[in-house]
Structure formats: C-alpha cells, structure tokens
Amino acid sequence: MSFKISISEAAKSELREAFLWYEDQLENLGDKFQKEILSGIESIKSNPNKL
C-alpha cells in the first residue's frame, strides 16, 4: 500500500534553497541531495510505519 505525501510550498522553497546551496559547495552535490530527499519520501510512502 502506498500513501500520498503533501509537501508545503514553504518546505519546497527550503528544499530548493538547500539544493542550490549544495550545488554551490560542490558540483553535482545538489543532485545527490535531491536523490536522497526523493529516496526518503519514497521510503515513507511505501512504509509509513517504519519509523
């Protein structure tokens, strides 16, 4: 069973800022950050009782 996750506009804005900050630190680090965030969201969606 998969669940839907809602992310507020404020949280999306913070994630964009974090992505850009990581990209400024090291090329492709923002991409790695984004992949980790998406992986975490998918994990929560597929198994919300895990934590």
PDB file of N, CA and C in Angstrom:
ATOM      1  N   MET A   1       0.846  -1.179   0.000  1.00  0.00           N
ATOM      2  CA  MET A   1       0.000   0.000   0.000  1.00  0.00           C
ATOM      3  C   MET A   1       0.891   1.241   0.000  1.00  0.00           C
ATOM      4  N   SER A   2       0.553   2.178  -0.837  1.00  0.00           N
ATOM      5  CA  SER A   2       1.331   3.406  -0.948  1.00  0.00           C
ATOM      6  C   SER A   2       0.484   4.595  -0.506  1.00  0.00           C
ATOM      7  N   PHE A   3       1.097   5.544   0.156  1.00  0.00           N
ATOM      8  CA  PHE A   3       0.411   6.717   0.650  1.00  0.00           C
ATOM      9  C   PHE A   3       0.851   7.955  -0.120  1.00  0.00           C
ATOM     10  N   LYS A   4       0.014   8.964  -0.110  1.00  0.00           N
ATOM     11  CA  LYS A   4       0.336  10.240  -0.737  1.00  0.00           C
ATOM     12  C   LYS A   4       0.961  11.152   0.312  1.00  0.00           C
ATOM     13  N   ILE A   5       2.010  11.845  -0.077  1.00  0.00           N
ATOM     14  CA  ILE A   5       2.678  12.787   0.820  1.00  0.00           C
ATOM     15  C   ILE A   5       2.509  14.178   0.258  1.00  0.00           C
ATOM     16  N   SER A   6       2.099  15.099   1.112  1.00  0.00           N
ATOM     17  CA  SER A   6       1.974  16.500   0.716  1.00  0.00           C
ATOM     18  C   SER A   6       3.141  17.282   1.298  1.00  0.00           C
ATOM     19  N   ILE A   7       3.725  18.125   0.469  1.00  0.00           N
ATOM     20  CA  ILE A   7       4.842  18.965   0.907  1.00  0.00           C
ATOM     21  C   ILE A   7       4.419  20.414   0.727  1.00  0.00           C
ATOM     22  N   SER A   8       4.482  21.175   1.794  1.00  0.00           N
ATOM     23  CA  SER A   8       4.038  22.572   1.738  1.00  0.00           C
ATOM     24  C   SER A   8       4.936  23.393   0.813  1.00  0.00           C
ATOM     25  N   GLU A   9       4.403  24.501   0.354  1.00  0.00           N
ATOM     26  CA  GLU A   9       5.183  25.400  -0.504  1.00  0.00           C
ATOM     27  C   GLU A   9       6.414  25.918   0.237  1.00  0.00           C
ATOM     28  N   ALA A  10       6.276  26.165   1.532  1.00  0.00           N
ATOM     29  CA  ALA A  10       7.415  26.637   2.326  1.00  0.00           C
ATOM     30  C   ALA A  10       8.518  25.579   2.363  1.00  0.00           C
ATOM     31  N   ALA A  11       8.127  24.324   2.534  1.00  0.00           N
ATOM     32  CA  ALA A  11       9.112  23.241   2.553  1.00  0.00           C
ATOM     33  C   ALA A  11       9.765  23.083   1.185  1.00  0.00           C
ATOM     34  N   LYS A  12       8.974  23.195   0.116  1.00  0.00           N
ATOM     35  CA  LYS A  12       9.529  23.113  -1.236  1.00  0.00           C
ATOM     36  C   LYS A  12      10.545  24.219  -1.466  1.00  0.00           C
ATOM     37  N   SER A  13      10.235  25.404  -0.978  1.00  0.00           N
ATOM     38  CA  SER A  13      11.148  26.540  -1.119  1.00  0.00           C
ATOM     39  C   SER A  13      12.460  26.277  -0.375  1.00  0.00           C
ATOM     40  N   GLU A  14      12.351  25.733   0.829  1.00  0.00           N
ATOM     41  CA  GLU A  14      13.555  25.408   1.602  1.00  0.00           C
ATOM     42  C   GLU A  14      14.386  24.334   0.911  1.00  0.00           C
ATOM     43  N   LEU A  15      13.715  23.356   0.320  1.00  0.00           N
ATOM     44  CA  LEU A  15      14.440  22.302  -0.403  1.00  0.00           C
ATOM     45  C   LEU A  15      15.165  22.883  -1.621  1.00  0.00           C
ATOM     46  N   ARG A  16      14.523  23.820  -2.326  1.00  0.00           N
ATOM     47  CA  ARG A  16      15.172  24.473  -3.469  1.00  0.00           C
ATOM     48  C   ARG A  16      16.412  25.233  -3.009  1.00  0.00           C
ATOM     49  N   GLU A  17      16.267  25.973  -1.909  1.00  0.00           N
ATOM     50  CA  GLU A  17      17.404  26.726  -1.366  1.00  0.00           C
ATOM     51  C   GLU A  17      18.536  25.789  -0.961  1.00  0.00           C
ATOM     52  N   ALA A  18      18.185  24.687  -0.322  1.00  0.00           N
ATOM     53  CA  ALA A  18      19.199  23.720   0.099  1.00  0.00           C
ATOM     54  C   ALA A  18      19.894  23.111  -1.121  1.00  0.00           C
ATOM     55  N   PHE A  19      19.114  22.775  -2.140  1.00  0.00           N
ATOM     56  CA  PHE A  19      19.684  22.236  -3.374  1.00  0.00           C
ATOM     57  C   PHE A  19      20.718  23.203  -3.947  1.00  0.00           C
ATOM     58  N   LEU A  20      20.350  24.464  -4.058  1.00  0.00           N
ATOM     59  CA  LEU A  20      21.265  25.463  -4.619  1.00  0.00           C
ATOM     60  C   LEU A  20      22.507  25.640  -3.748  1.00  0.00           C
ATOM     61  N   TRP A  21      22.323  25.595  -2.428  1.00  0.00           N
ATOM     62  CA  TRP A  21      23.469  25.727  -1.532  1.00  0.00           C
ATOM     63  C   TRP A  21      24.443  24.573  -1.745  1.00  0.00           C
ATOM     64  N   TYR A  22      23.912  23.353  -1.807  1.00  0.00           N
ATOM     65  CA  TYR A  22      24.775  22.191  -2.029  1.00  0.00           C
ATOM     66  C   TYR A  22      25.474  22.265  -3.378  1.00  0.00           C
ATOM     67  N   GLU A  23      24.769  22.730  -4.399  1.00  0.00           N
ATOM     68  CA  GLU A  23      25.385  22.875  -5.726  1.00  0.00           C
ATOM     69  C   GLU A  23      26.524  23.886  -5.694  1.00  0.00           C
ATOM     70  N   ASP A  24      26.372  24.950  -4.900  1.00  0.00           N
ATOM     71  CA  ASP A  24      27.431  25.950  -4.762  1.00  0.00           C
ATOM     72  C   ASP A  24      28.655  25.381  -4.053  1.00  0.00           C
ATOM     73  N   GLN A  25      28.432  24.396  -3.191  1.00  0.00           N
ATOM     74  CA  GLN A  25      29.547  23.812  -2.445  1.00  0.00           C
ATOM     75  C   GLN A  25      30.386  22.898  -3.332  1.00  0.00           C
ATOM     76  N   LEU A  26      29.691  22.105  -4.148  1.00  0.00           N
ATOM     77  CA  LEU A  26      30.382  21.123  -4.978  1.00  0.00           C
ATOM     78  C   LEU A  26      29.464  20.713  -6.120  1.00  0.00           C
ATOM     79  N   GLU A  27      29.999  20.710  -7.324  1.00  0.00           N
ATOM     80  CA  GLU A  27      29.202  20.341  -8.494  1.00  0.00           C
ATOM     81  C   GLU A  27      28.574  18.961  -8.301  1.00  0.00           C
ATOM     82  N   ASN A  28      27.311  18.846  -8.618  1.00  0.00           N
ATOM     83  CA  ASN A  28      26.507  17.620  -8.520  1.00  0.00           C
ATOM     84  C   ASN A  28      26.119  17.236  -7.090  1.00  0.00           C
ATOM     85  N   LEU A  29      26.568  17.983  -6.097  1.00  0.00           N
ATOM     86  CA  LEU A  29      26.180  17.666  -4.720  1.00  0.00           C
ATOM     87  C   LEU A  29      24.698  17.949  -4.511  1.00  0.00           C
ATOM     88  N   GLY A  30      24.176  18.960  -5.184  1.00  0.00           N
ATOM     89  CA  GLY A  30      22.743  19.241  -5.115  1.00  0.00           C
ATOM     90  C   GLY A  30      21.933  18.086  -5.673  1.00  0.00           C
ATOM     91  N   ASP A  31      22.420  17.485  -6.750  1.00  0.00           N
ATOM     92  CA  ASP A  31      21.731  16.331  -7.331  1.00  0.00           C
ATOM     93  C   ASP A  31      21.712  15.159  -6.356  1.00  0.00           C
ATOM     94  N   LYS A  32      22.818  14.939  -5.679  1.00  0.00           N
ATOM     95  CA  LYS A  32      22.883  13.856  -4.691  1.00  0.00           C
ATOM     96  C   LYS A  32      21.916  14.139  -3.545  1.00  0.00           C
ATOM     97  N   PHE A  33      21.867  15.395  -3.111  1.00  0.00           N
ATOM     98  CA  PHE A  33      20.940  15.799  -2.054  1.00  0.00           C
ATOM     99  C   PHE A  33      19.499  15.522  -2.484  1.00  0.00           C
ATOM    100  N   GLN A  34      19.161  15.938  -3.698  1.00  0.00           N
ATOM    101  CA  GLN A  34      17.810  15.740  -4.215  1.00  0.00           C
ATOM    102  C   GLN A  34      17.453  14.255  -4.295  1.00  0.00           C
ATOM    103  N   LYS A  35      18.376  13.426  -4.730  1.00  0.00           N
ATOM    104  CA  LYS A  35      18.125  11.984  -4.812  1.00  0.00           C
ATOM    105  C   LYS A  35      17.867  11.400  -3.428  1.00  0.00           C
ATOM    106  N   GLU A  36      18.596  11.862  -2.431  1.00  0.00           N
ATOM    107  CA  GLU A  36      18.395  11.371  -1.066  1.00  0.00           C
ATOM    108  C   GLU A  36      17.033  11.787  -0.532  1.00  0.00           C
ATOM    109  N   ILE A  37      16.638  13.025  -0.810  1.00  0.00           N
ATOM    110  CA  ILE A  37      15.323  13.501  -0.368  1.00  0.00           C
ATOM    111  C   ILE A  37      14.225  12.660  -1.021  1.00  0.00           C
ATOM    112  N   LEU A  38      14.312  12.477  -2.327  1.00  0.00           N
ATOM    113  CA  LEU A  38      13.298  11.695  -3.034  1.00  0.00           C
ATOM    114  C   LEU A  38      13.265  10.249  -2.551  1.00  0.00           C
ATOM    115  N   SER A  39      14.432   9.682  -2.268  1.00  0.00           N
ATOM    116  CA  SER A  39      14.504   8.325  -1.746  1.00  0.00           C
ATOM    117  C   SER A  39      13.816   8.237  -0.384  1.00  0.00           C
ATOM    118  N   GLY A  40      14.046   9.218   0.448  1.00  0.00           N
ATOM    119  CA  GLY A  40      13.407   9.247   1.762  1.00  0.00           C
ATOM    120  C   GLY A  40      11.904   9.367   1.664  1.00  0.00           C
ATOM    121  N   ILE A  41      11.437  10.204   0.749  1.00  0.00           N
ATOM    122  CA  ILE A  41       9.994  10.362   0.547  1.00  0.00           C
ATOM    123  C   ILE A  41       9.378   9.052   0.068  1.00  0.00           C
ATOM    124  N   GLU A  42      10.022   8.391  -0.871  1.00  0.00           N
ATOM    125  CA  GLU A  42       9.513   7.113  -1.364  1.00  0.00           C
ATOM    126  C   GLU A  42       9.483   6.067  -0.253  1.00  0.00           C
ATOM    127  N   SER A  43      10.492   6.077   0.587  1.00  0.00           N
ATOM    128  CA  SER A  43      10.543   5.132   1.707  1.00  0.00           C
ATOM    129  C   SER A  43       9.379   5.368   2.666  1.00  0.00           C
ATOM    130  N   ILE A  44       9.099   6.630   2.952  1.00  0.00           N
ATOM    131  CA  ILE A  44       7.983   6.965   3.844  1.00  0.00           C
ATOM    132  C   ILE A  44       6.660   6.560   3.208  1.00  0.00           C
ATOM    133  N   LYS A  45       6.522   6.829   1.921  1.00  0.00           N
ATOM    134  CA  LYS A  45       5.272   6.485   1.218  1.00  0.00           C
ATOM    135  C   LYS A  45       5.015   4.983   1.232  1.00  0.00           C
ATOM    136  N   SER A  46       6.039   4.199   1.026  1.00  0.00           N
ATOM    137  CA  SER A  46       5.852   2.760   0.925  1.00  0.00           C
ATOM    138  C   SER A  46       5.773   2.071   2.285  1.00  0.00           C
ATOM    139  N   ASN A  47       6.314   2.689   3.316  1.00  0.00           N
ATOM    140  CA  ASN A  47       6.304   2.072   4.630  1.00  0.00           C
ATOM    141  C   ASN A  47       6.222   3.147   5.714  1.00  0.00           C
ATOM    142  N   PRO A  48       5.056   3.788   5.862  1.00  0.00           N
ATOM    143  CA  PRO A  48       4.927   4.915   6.788  1.00  0.00           C
ATOM    144  C   PRO A  48       5.072   4.545   8.266  1.00  0.00           C
ATOM    145  N   ASN A  49       4.916   3.296   8.610  1.00  0.00           N
ATOM    146  CA  ASN A  49       5.025   2.861   9.999  1.00  0.00           C
ATOM    147  C   ASN A  49       6.434   2.422  10.376  1.00  0.00           C
ATOM    148  N   LYS A  50       7.359   2.546   9.461  1.00  0.00           N
ATOM    149  CA  LYS A  50       8.727   2.070   9.688  1.00  0.00           C
ATOM    150  C   LYS A  50       9.412   2.814  10.842  1.00  0.00           C
ATOM    151  N   LEU A  51       9.159   4.095  10.953  1.00  0.00           N
ATOM    152  CA  LEU A  51       9.852   4.879  11.980  1.00  0.00           C
ATOM    153  C   LEU A  51       9.064   4.971  13.241  1.00  0.00           C
TER     154      LEU A  51
END
